[in-house]
Amino acid sequence: NDLNTLYLQMTSLKAEDTAVYYCASAYASYSDPPM
C-alpha cells in the first residue's frame, strides 16, 4: 500500500495462462472480503 502497487507472482506457467491480464479496484469497507 505504501507503494500503491498490486502484484501477481505467476509460477509454473502453462500455455493456457496466455491472456491479457487486467488489474481492477473497488472502494471497499474495512471488513469487506475480497470479491
All heavy atoms as atom14 arrays in JSON, in Angstrom:
{
  "sequence": "NDLNTLYLQMTSLKAEDTAVYYCASAYASYSDPPM",
  "atom14_mask": [
    [1, 1, 1, 1, 1, 1, 1, 1, 0, 0, 0, 0, 0, 0],
    [1, 1, 1, 1, 1, 1, 1, 1, 0, 0, 0, 0, 0, 0],
    [1, 1, 1, 1, 1, 1, 1, 1, 0, 0, 0, 0, 0, 0],
    [1, 1, 1, 1, 1, 1, 1, 1, 0, 0, 0, 0, 0, 0],
    [1, 1, 1, 1, 1, 1, 1, 0, 0, 0, 0, 0, 0, 0],
    [1, 1, 1, 1, 1, 1, 1, 1, 0, 0, 0, 0, 0, 0],
    [1, 1, 1, 1, 1, 1, 1, 1, 1, 1, 1, 1, 0, 0],
    [1, 1, 1, 1, 1, 1, 1, 1, 0, 0, 0, 0, 0, 0],
    [1, 1, 1, 1, 1, 1, 1, 1, 1, 0, 0, 0, 0, 0],
    [1, 1, 1, 1, 1, 1, 1, 1, 0, 0, 0, 0, 0, 0],
    [1, 1, 1, 1, 1, 1, 1, 0, 0, 0, 0, 0, 0, 0],
    [1, 1, 1, 1, 1, 1, 0, 0, 0, 0, 0, 0, 0, 0],
    [1, 1, 1, 1, 1, 1, 1, 1, 0, 0, 0, 0, 0, 0],
    [1, 1, 1, 1, 1, 1, 1, 1, 1, 0, 0, 0, 0, 0],
    [1, 1, 1, 1, 1, 0, 0, 0, 0, 0, 0, 0, 0, 0],
    [1, 1, 1, 1, 1, 1, 1, 1, 1, 0, 0, 0, 0, 0],
    [1, 1, 1, 1, 1, 1, 1, 1, 0, 0, 0, 0, 0, 0],
    [1, 1, 1, 1, 1, 1, 1, 0, 0, 0, 0, 0, 0, 0],
    [1, 1, 1, 1, 1, 0, 0, 0, 0, 0, 0, 0, 0, 0],
    [1, 1, 1, 1, 1, 1, 1, 0, 0, 0, 0, 0, 0, 0],
    [1, 1, 1, 1, 1, 1, 1, 1, 1, 1, 1, 1, 0, 0],
    [1, 1, 1, 1, 1, 1, 1, 1, 1, 1, 1, 1, 0, 0],
    [1, 1, 1, 1, 1, 1, 0, 0, 0, 0, 0, 0, 0, 0],
    [1, 1, 1, 1, 1, 0, 0, 0, 0, 0, 0, 0, 0, 0],
    [1, 1, 1, 1, 1, 1, 0, 0, 0, 0, 0, 0, 0, 0],
    [1, 1, 1, 1, 1, 0, 0, 0, 0, 0, 0, 0, 0, 0],
    [1, 1, 1, 1, 1, 1, 1, 1, 1, 1, 1, 1, 0, 0],
    [1, 1, 1, 1, 1, 0, 0, 0, 0, 0, 0, 0, 0, 0],
    [1, 1, 1, 1, 1, 1, 0, 0, 0, 0, 0, 0, 0, 0],
    [1, 1, 1, 1, 1, 1, 1, 1, 1, 1, 1, 1, 0, 0],
    [1, 1, 1, 1, 1, 1, 0, 0, 0, 0, 0, 0, 0, 0],
    [1, 1, 1, 1, 1, 1, 1, 1, 0, 0, 0, 0, 0, 0],
    [1, 1, 1, 1, 1, 1, 1, 0, 0, 0, 0, 0, 0, 0],
    [1, 1, 1, 1, 1, 1, 1, 0, 0, 0, 0, 0, 0, 0],
    [1, 1, 1, 1, 1, 1, 1, 1, 0, 0, 0, 0, 0, 0]
  ],
  "atom14_positions": [
    [[0.81, -1.21, 0.0], [0.0, 0.0, 0.0], [0.84, 1.27, 0.0], [0.43, 2.28, -0.56], [-0.95, 0.0, 1.19], [-2.05, -1.03, 1.06], [-2.41, -1.44, -0.04], [-2.62, -1.44, 2.18], [0.0, 0.0, 0.0], [0.0, 0.0, 0.0], [0.0, 0.0, 0.0], [0.0, 0.0, 0.0], [0.0, 0.0, 0.0], [0.0, 0.0, 0.0]],
    [[2.01, 1.23, 0.63], [2.85, 2.42, 0.67], [3.43, 2.74, -0.7], [3.84, 3.88, -0.95], [3.95, 2.29, 1.71], [4.83, 1.07, 1.5], [4.43, 0.16, 0.75], [5.92, 1.02, 2.11], [0.0, 0.0, 0.0], [0.0, 0.0, 0.0], [0.0, 0.0, 0.0], [0.0, 0.0, 0.0], [0.0, 0.0, 0.0], [0.0, 0.0, 0.0]],
    [[3.45, 1.76, -1.6], [3.9, 1.98, -2.96], [2.74, 2.02, -3.96], [2.97, 2.17, -5.15], [4.88, 0.88, -3.38], [6.18, 0.78, -2.6], [7.01, -0.39, -3.09], [6.97, 2.08, -2.71], [0.0, 0.0, 0.0], [0.0, 0.0, 0.0], [0.0, 0.0, 0.0], [0.0, 0.0, 0.0], [0.0, 0.0, 0.0], [0.0, 0.0, 0.0]],
    [[1.51, 1.9, -3.46], [0.31, 1.91, -4.29], [0.4, 0.88, -5.41], [0.0, 1.14, -6.55], [0.07, 3.3, -4.87], [-0.11, 4.36, -3.81], [-0.82, 4.15, -2.83], [0.53, 5.5, -4.0], [0.0, 0.0, 0.0], [0.0, 0.0, 0.0], [0.0, 0.0, 0.0], [0.0, 0.0, 0.0], [0.0, 0.0, 0.0], [0.0, 0.0, 0.0]],
    [[0.89, -0.3, -5.07], [1.17, -1.3, -6.09], [0.57, -2.65, -5.74], [0.65, -3.1, -4.59], [2.68, -1.46, -6.31], [3.25, -0.18, -6.62], [2.95, -2.41, -7.46], [0.0, 0.0, 0.0], [0.0, 0.0, 0.0], [0.0, 0.0, 0.0], [0.0, 0.0, 0.0], [0.0, 0.0, 0.0], [0.0, 0.0, 0.0], [0.0, 0.0, 0.0]],
    [[-0.02, -3.28, -6.73], [-0.56, -4.62, -6.65], [0.33, -5.55, -7.46], [0.81, -5.17, -8.54], [-1.99, -4.65, -7.21], [-2.66, -6.01, -7.37], [-3.04, -6.58, -6.0], [-3.89, -5.88, -8.27], [0.0, 0.0, 0.0], [0.0, 0.0, 0.0], [0.0, 0.0, 0.0], [0.0, 0.0, 0.0], [0.0, 0.0, 0.0], [0.0, 0.0, 0.0]],
    [[0.54, -6.78, -6.98], [1.41, -7.72, -7.66], [0.69, -9.04, -7.91], [-0.22, -9.43, -7.19], [2.66, -8.02, -6.83], [3.51, -6.81, -6.53], [3.4, -6.15, -5.32], [4.42, -6.34, -7.46], [4.18, -5.04, -5.04], [5.21, -5.24, -7.19], [5.09, -4.59, -5.98], [5.86, -3.49, -5.71], [0.0, 0.0, 0.0], [0.0, 0.0, 0.0]],
    [[1.14, -9.72, -8.94], [0.73, -11.1, -9.2], [1.97, -11.88, -9.57], [2.55, -11.67, -10.64], [-0.32, -11.19, -10.31], [-0.85, -12.59, -10.59], [-1.71, -13.07, -9.41], [-1.65, -12.64, -11.89], [0.0, 0.0, 0.0], [0.0, 0.0, 0.0], [0.0, 0.0, 0.0], [0.0, 0.0, 0.0], [0.0, 0.0, 0.0], [0.0, 0.0, 0.0]],
    [[2.39, -12.77, -8.68], [3.51, -13.65, -8.96], [2.98, -14.93, -9.58], [2.18, -15.64, -8.97], [4.28, -13.96, -7.67], [5.46, -14.89, -7.85], [6.58, -14.26, -8.66], [6.92, -13.1, -8.43], [7.14, -15.0, -9.6], [0.0, 0.0, 0.0], [0.0, 0.0, 0.0], [0.0, 0.0, 0.0], [0.0, 0.0, 0.0], [0.0, 0.0, 0.0]],
    [[3.42, -15.23, -10.79], [2.97, -16.39, -11.52], [4.14, -17.35, -11.69], [5.2, -16.96, -12.18], [2.41, -16.0, -12.89], [1.3, -14.96, -12.82], [0.59, -14.6, -14.45], [2.0, -13.81, -15.24], [0.0, 0.0, 0.0], [0.0, 0.0, 0.0], [0.0, 0.0, 0.0], [0.0, 0.0, 0.0], [0.0, 0.0, 0.0], [0.0, 0.0, 0.0]],
    [[3.95, -18.59, -11.29], [4.98, -19.61, -11.41], [4.44, -20.8, -12.17], [3.24, -20.96, -12.34], [5.48, -20.07, -10.02], [4.39, -20.64, -9.29], [6.04, -18.89, -9.23], [0.0, 0.0, 0.0], [0.0, 0.0, 0.0], [0.0, 0.0, 0.0], [0.0, 0.0, 0.0], [0.0, 0.0, 0.0], [0.0, 0.0, 0.0], [0.0, 0.0, 0.0]],
    [[5.36, -21.65, -12.62], [4.99, -22.86, -13.36], [4.0, -22.54, -14.47], [2.96, -23.19, -14.61], [4.42, -23.91, -12.41], [5.35, -24.25, -11.4], [0.0, 0.0, 0.0], [0.0, 0.0, 0.0], [0.0, 0.0, 0.0], [0.0, 0.0, 0.0], [0.0, 0.0, 0.0], [0.0, 0.0, 0.0], [0.0, 0.0, 0.0], [0.0, 0.0, 0.0]],
    [[4.32, -21.57, -15.27], [3.41, -21.09, -16.3], [3.1, -22.18, -17.32], [3.96, -22.99, -17.67], [3.98, -19.87, -17.0], [3.92, -18.57, -16.19], [4.8, -17.51, -16.83], [2.48, -18.08, -16.1], [0.0, 0.0, 0.0], [0.0, 0.0, 0.0], [0.0, 0.0, 0.0], [0.0, 0.0, 0.0], [0.0, 0.0, 0.0], [0.0, 0.0, 0.0]],
    [[1.86, -22.16, -17.77], [1.37, -23.1, -18.77], [0.87, -22.33, -19.99], [0.55, -21.14, -19.9], [0.22, -23.95, -18.2], [0.56, -24.69, -16.93], [-0.66, -25.39, -16.38], [-0.36, -26.14, -15.1], [-1.57, -26.8, -14.55], [0.0, 0.0, 0.0], [0.0, 0.0, 0.0], [0.0, 0.0, 0.0], [0.0, 0.0, 0.0], [0.0, 0.0, 0.0]],
    [[0.77, -23.01, -21.1], [0.29, -22.37, -22.32], [-1.1, -21.78, -22.13], [-1.41, -20.72, -22.69], [0.29, -23.37, -23.48], [0.0, 0.0, 0.0], [0.0, 0.0, 0.0], [0.0, 0.0, 0.0], [0.0, 0.0, 0.0], [0.0, 0.0, 0.0], [0.0, 0.0, 0.0], [0.0, 0.0, 0.0], [0.0, 0.0, 0.0], [0.0, 0.0, 0.0]],
    [[-1.94, -22.43, -21.34], [-3.29, -21.95, -21.12], [-3.36, -20.69, -20.25], [-4.43, -20.12, -20.07], [-4.17, -23.05, -20.51], [-3.57, -23.7, -19.28], [-2.87, -25.02, -19.59], [-2.15, -25.07, -20.61], [-3.06, -25.99, -18.84], [0.0, 0.0, 0.0], [0.0, 0.0, 0.0], [0.0, 0.0, 0.0], [0.0, 0.0, 0.0], [0.0, 0.0, 0.0]],
    [[-2.22, -20.25, -19.71], [-2.16, -18.99, -18.99], [-2.06, -17.79, -19.93], [-2.13, -16.65, -19.47], [-0.98, -18.96, -18.02], [-1.12, -19.99, -16.91], [-2.24, -20.2, -16.43], [-0.09, -20.58, -16.53], [0.0, 0.0, 0.0], [0.0, 0.0, 0.0], [0.0, 0.0, 0.0], [0.0, 0.0, 0.0], [0.0, 0.0, 0.0], [0.0, 0.0, 0.0]],
    [[-1.89, -18.05, -21.21], [-1.8, -16.97, -22.19], [-3.09, -16.16, -22.21], [-4.17, -16.71, -22.42], [-1.51, -17.53, -23.58], [-0.22, -18.17, -23.58], [-1.51, -16.43, -24.62], [0.0, 0.0, 0.0], [0.0, 0.0, 0.0], [0.0, 0.0, 0.0], [0.0, 0.0, 0.0], [0.0, 0.0, 0.0], [0.0, 0.0, 0.0], [0.0, 0.0, 0.0]],
    [[-2.98, -14.86, -21.98], [-4.15, -13.98, -21.92], [-3.68, -12.56, -21.69], [-2.51, -12.31, -21.41], [-5.09, -14.41, -20.79], [0.0, 0.0, 0.0], [0.0, 0.0, 0.0], [0.0, 0.0, 0.0], [0.0, 0.0, 0.0], [0.0, 0.0, 0.0], [0.0, 0.0, 0.0], [0.0, 0.0, 0.0], [0.0, 0.0, 0.0], [0.0, 0.0, 0.0]],
    [[-4.62, -11.63, -21.82], [-4.39, -10.27, -21.36], [-4.79, -10.22, -19.89], [-5.91, -10.61, -19.54], [-5.19, -9.24, -22.17], [-4.98, -7.83, -21.61], [-4.77, -9.29, -23.64], [0.0, 0.0, 0.0], [0.0, 0.0, 0.0], [0.0, 0.0, 0.0], [0.0, 0.0, 0.0], [0.0, 0.0, 0.0], [0.0, 0.0, 0.0], [0.0, 0.0, 0.0]],
    [[-3.91, -9.74, -19.05], [-4.16, -9.67, -17.62], [-4.49, -8.24, -17.22], [-3.78, -7.3, -17.56], [-2.94, -10.16, -16.84], [-2.8, -11.66, -16.87], [-2.41, -12.32, -18.03], [-3.07, -12.43, -15.73], [-2.31, -13.7, -18.07], [-2.97, -13.81, -15.77], [-2.58, -14.44, -16.94], [-2.48, -15.81, -16.97], [0.0, 0.0, 0.0], [0.0, 0.0, 0.0]],
    [[-5.59, -8.09, -16.48], [-6.09, -6.79, -16.05], [-6.09, -6.69, -14.54], [-6.45, -7.64, -13.85], [-7.52, -6.57, -16.53], [-7.71, -6.59, -18.03], [-7.99, -7.77, -18.69], [-7.63, -5.42, -18.77], [-8.18, -7.8, -20.07], [-7.82, -5.43, -20.14], [-8.1, -6.62, -20.79], [-8.29, -6.64, -22.14], [0.0, 0.0, 0.0], [0.0, 0.0, 0.0]],
    [[-5.71, -5.53, -14.02], [-5.92, -5.26, -12.61], [-7.17, -4.41, -12.45], [-7.55, -3.67, -13.36], [-4.71, -4.59, -11.96], [-4.23, -2.99, -12.64], [0.0, 0.0, 0.0], [0.0, 0.0, 0.0], [0.0, 0.0, 0.0], [0.0, 0.0, 0.0], [0.0, 0.0, 0.0], [0.0, 0.0, 0.0], [0.0, 0.0, 0.0], [0.0, 0.0, 0.0]],
    [[-7.81, -4.52, -11.3], [-9.05, -3.82, -11.05], [-9.12, -3.41, -9.59], [-8.54, -4.06, -8.72], [-10.25, -4.71, -11.41], [0.0, 0.0, 0.0], [0.0, 0.0, 0.0], [0.0, 0.0, 0.0], [0.0, 0.0, 0.0], [0.0, 0.0, 0.0], [0.0, 0.0, 0.0], [0.0, 0.0, 0.0], [0.0, 0.0, 0.0], [0.0, 0.0, 0.0]],
    [[-9.87, -2.35, -9.32], [-10.04, -1.87, -7.96], [-11.48, -1.51, -7.68], [-12.25, -1.18, -8.59], [-9.13, -0.67, -7.68], [-9.56, 0.47, -8.4], [0.0, 0.0, 0.0], [0.0, 0.0, 0.0], [0.0, 0.0, 0.0], [0.0, 0.0, 0.0], [0.0, 0.0, 0.0], [0.0, 0.0, 0.0], [0.0, 0.0, 0.0], [0.0, 0.0, 0.0]],
    [[-11.85, -1.57, -6.41], [-13.18, -1.18, -5.96], [-13.08, -0.62, -4.55], [-12.43, -1.22, -3.69], [-14.13, -2.38, -5.99], [0.0, 0.0, 0.0], [0.0, 0.0, 0.0], [0.0, 0.0, 0.0], [0.0, 0.0, 0.0], [0.0, 0.0, 0.0], [0.0, 0.0, 0.0], [0.0, 0.0, 0.0], [0.0, 0.0, 0.0], [0.0, 0.0, 0.0]],
    [[-13.74, 0.51, -4.33], [-13.78, 1.06, -2.99], [-14.49, 0.07, -2.08], [-15.54, -0.47, -2.43], [-14.51, 2.4, -2.99], [-14.53, 3.08, -1.64], [-13.37, 3.57, -1.07], [-15.72, 3.23, -0.94], [-13.38, 4.19, 0.17], [-15.75, 3.84, 0.29], [-14.57, 4.32, 0.85], [-14.6, 4.94, 2.07], [0.0, 0.0, 0.0], [0.0, 0.0, 0.0]],
    [[-13.91, -0.17, -0.9], [-14.43, -1.21, -0.02], [-14.36, -0.78, 1.43], [-13.51, 0.03, 1.82], [-13.64, -2.51, -0.22], [0.0, 0.0, 0.0], [0.0, 0.0, 0.0], [0.0, 0.0, 0.0], [0.0, 0.0, 0.0], [0.0, 0.0, 0.0], [0.0, 0.0, 0.0], [0.0, 0.0, 0.0], [0.0, 0.0, 0.0], [0.0, 0.0, 0.0]],
    [[-15.25, -1.35, 2.22], [-15.19, -1.17, 3.66], [-14.1, -2.05, 4.23], [-13.66, -3.02, 3.61], [-16.54, -1.53, 4.29], [-17.57, -0.68, 3.82], [0.0, 0.0, 0.0], [0.0, 0.0, 0.0], [0.0, 0.0, 0.0], [0.0, 0.0, 0.0], [0.0, 0.0, 0.0], [0.0, 0.0, 0.0], [0.0, 0.0, 0.0], [0.0, 0.0, 0.0]],
    [[-13.68, -1.72, 5.43], [-12.58, -2.44, 6.06], [-12.87, -3.94, 6.17], [-11.96, -4.76, 6.0], [-12.31, -1.86, 7.44], [-11.17, -2.5, 8.18], [-9.85, -2.14, 7.9], [-11.4, -3.47, 9.15], [-8.8, -2.72, 8.57], [-10.35, -4.06, 9.83], [-9.05, -3.69, 9.54], [-8.01, -4.27, 10.21], [0.0, 0.0, 0.0], [0.0, 0.0, 0.0]],
    [[-14.11, -4.3, 6.45], [-14.46, -5.69, 6.68], [-14.88, -6.44, 5.43], [-15.17, -7.64, 5.5], [-15.59, -5.78, 7.71], [-16.75, -5.1, 7.26], [0.0, 0.0, 0.0], [0.0, 0.0, 0.0], [0.0, 0.0, 0.0], [0.0, 0.0, 0.0], [0.0, 0.0, 0.0], [0.0, 0.0, 0.0], [0.0, 0.0, 0.0], [0.0, 0.0, 0.0]],
    [[-14.93, -5.78, 4.28], [-15.36, -6.45, 3.06], [-14.35, -7.5, 2.64], [-13.15, -7.22, 2.54], [-15.53, -5.45, 1.92], [-16.77, -4.6, 2.07], [-17.64, -4.92, 2.89], [-16.86, -3.58, 1.35], [0.0, 0.0, 0.0], [0.0, 0.0, 0.0], [0.0, 0.0, 0.0], [0.0, 0.0, 0.0], [0.0, 0.0, 0.0], [0.0, 0.0, 0.0]],
    [[-14.81, -8.72, 2.35], [-13.9, -9.75, 1.87], [-13.51, -9.49, 0.42], [-14.17, -8.71, -0.28], [-14.73, -11.03, 1.99], [-16.14, -10.57, 1.8], [-16.2, -9.21, 2.45], [0.0, 0.0, 0.0], [0.0, 0.0, 0.0], [0.0, 0.0, 0.0], [0.0, 0.0, 0.0], [0.0, 0.0, 0.0], [0.0, 0.0, 0.0], [0.0, 0.0, 0.0]],
    [[-12.46, -10.12, -0.07], [-12.1, -9.94, -1.48], [-13.2, -10.47, -2.38], [-13.8, -11.5, -2.11], [-10.81, -10.76, -1.62], [-10.86, -11.74, -0.5], [-11.55, -11.03, 0.63], [0.0, 0.0, 0.0], [0.0, 0.0, 0.0], [0.0, 0.0, 0.0], [0.0, 0.0, 0.0], [0.0, 0.0, 0.0], [0.0, 0.0, 0.0], [0.0, 0.0, 0.0]],
    [[-13.47, -9.76, -3.48], [-14.54, -10.11, -4.4], [-13.98, -10.81, -5.63], [-12.92, -10.44, -6.13], [-15.33, -8.88, -4.82], [-15.97, -8.12, -3.67], [-14.9, -6.82, -2.96], [-14.9, -5.62, -4.28], [0.0, 0.0, 0.0], [0.0, 0.0, 0.0], [0.0, 0.0, 0.0], [0.0, 0.0, 0.0], [0.0, 0.0, 0.0], [0.0, 0.0, 0.0]]
  ]
}
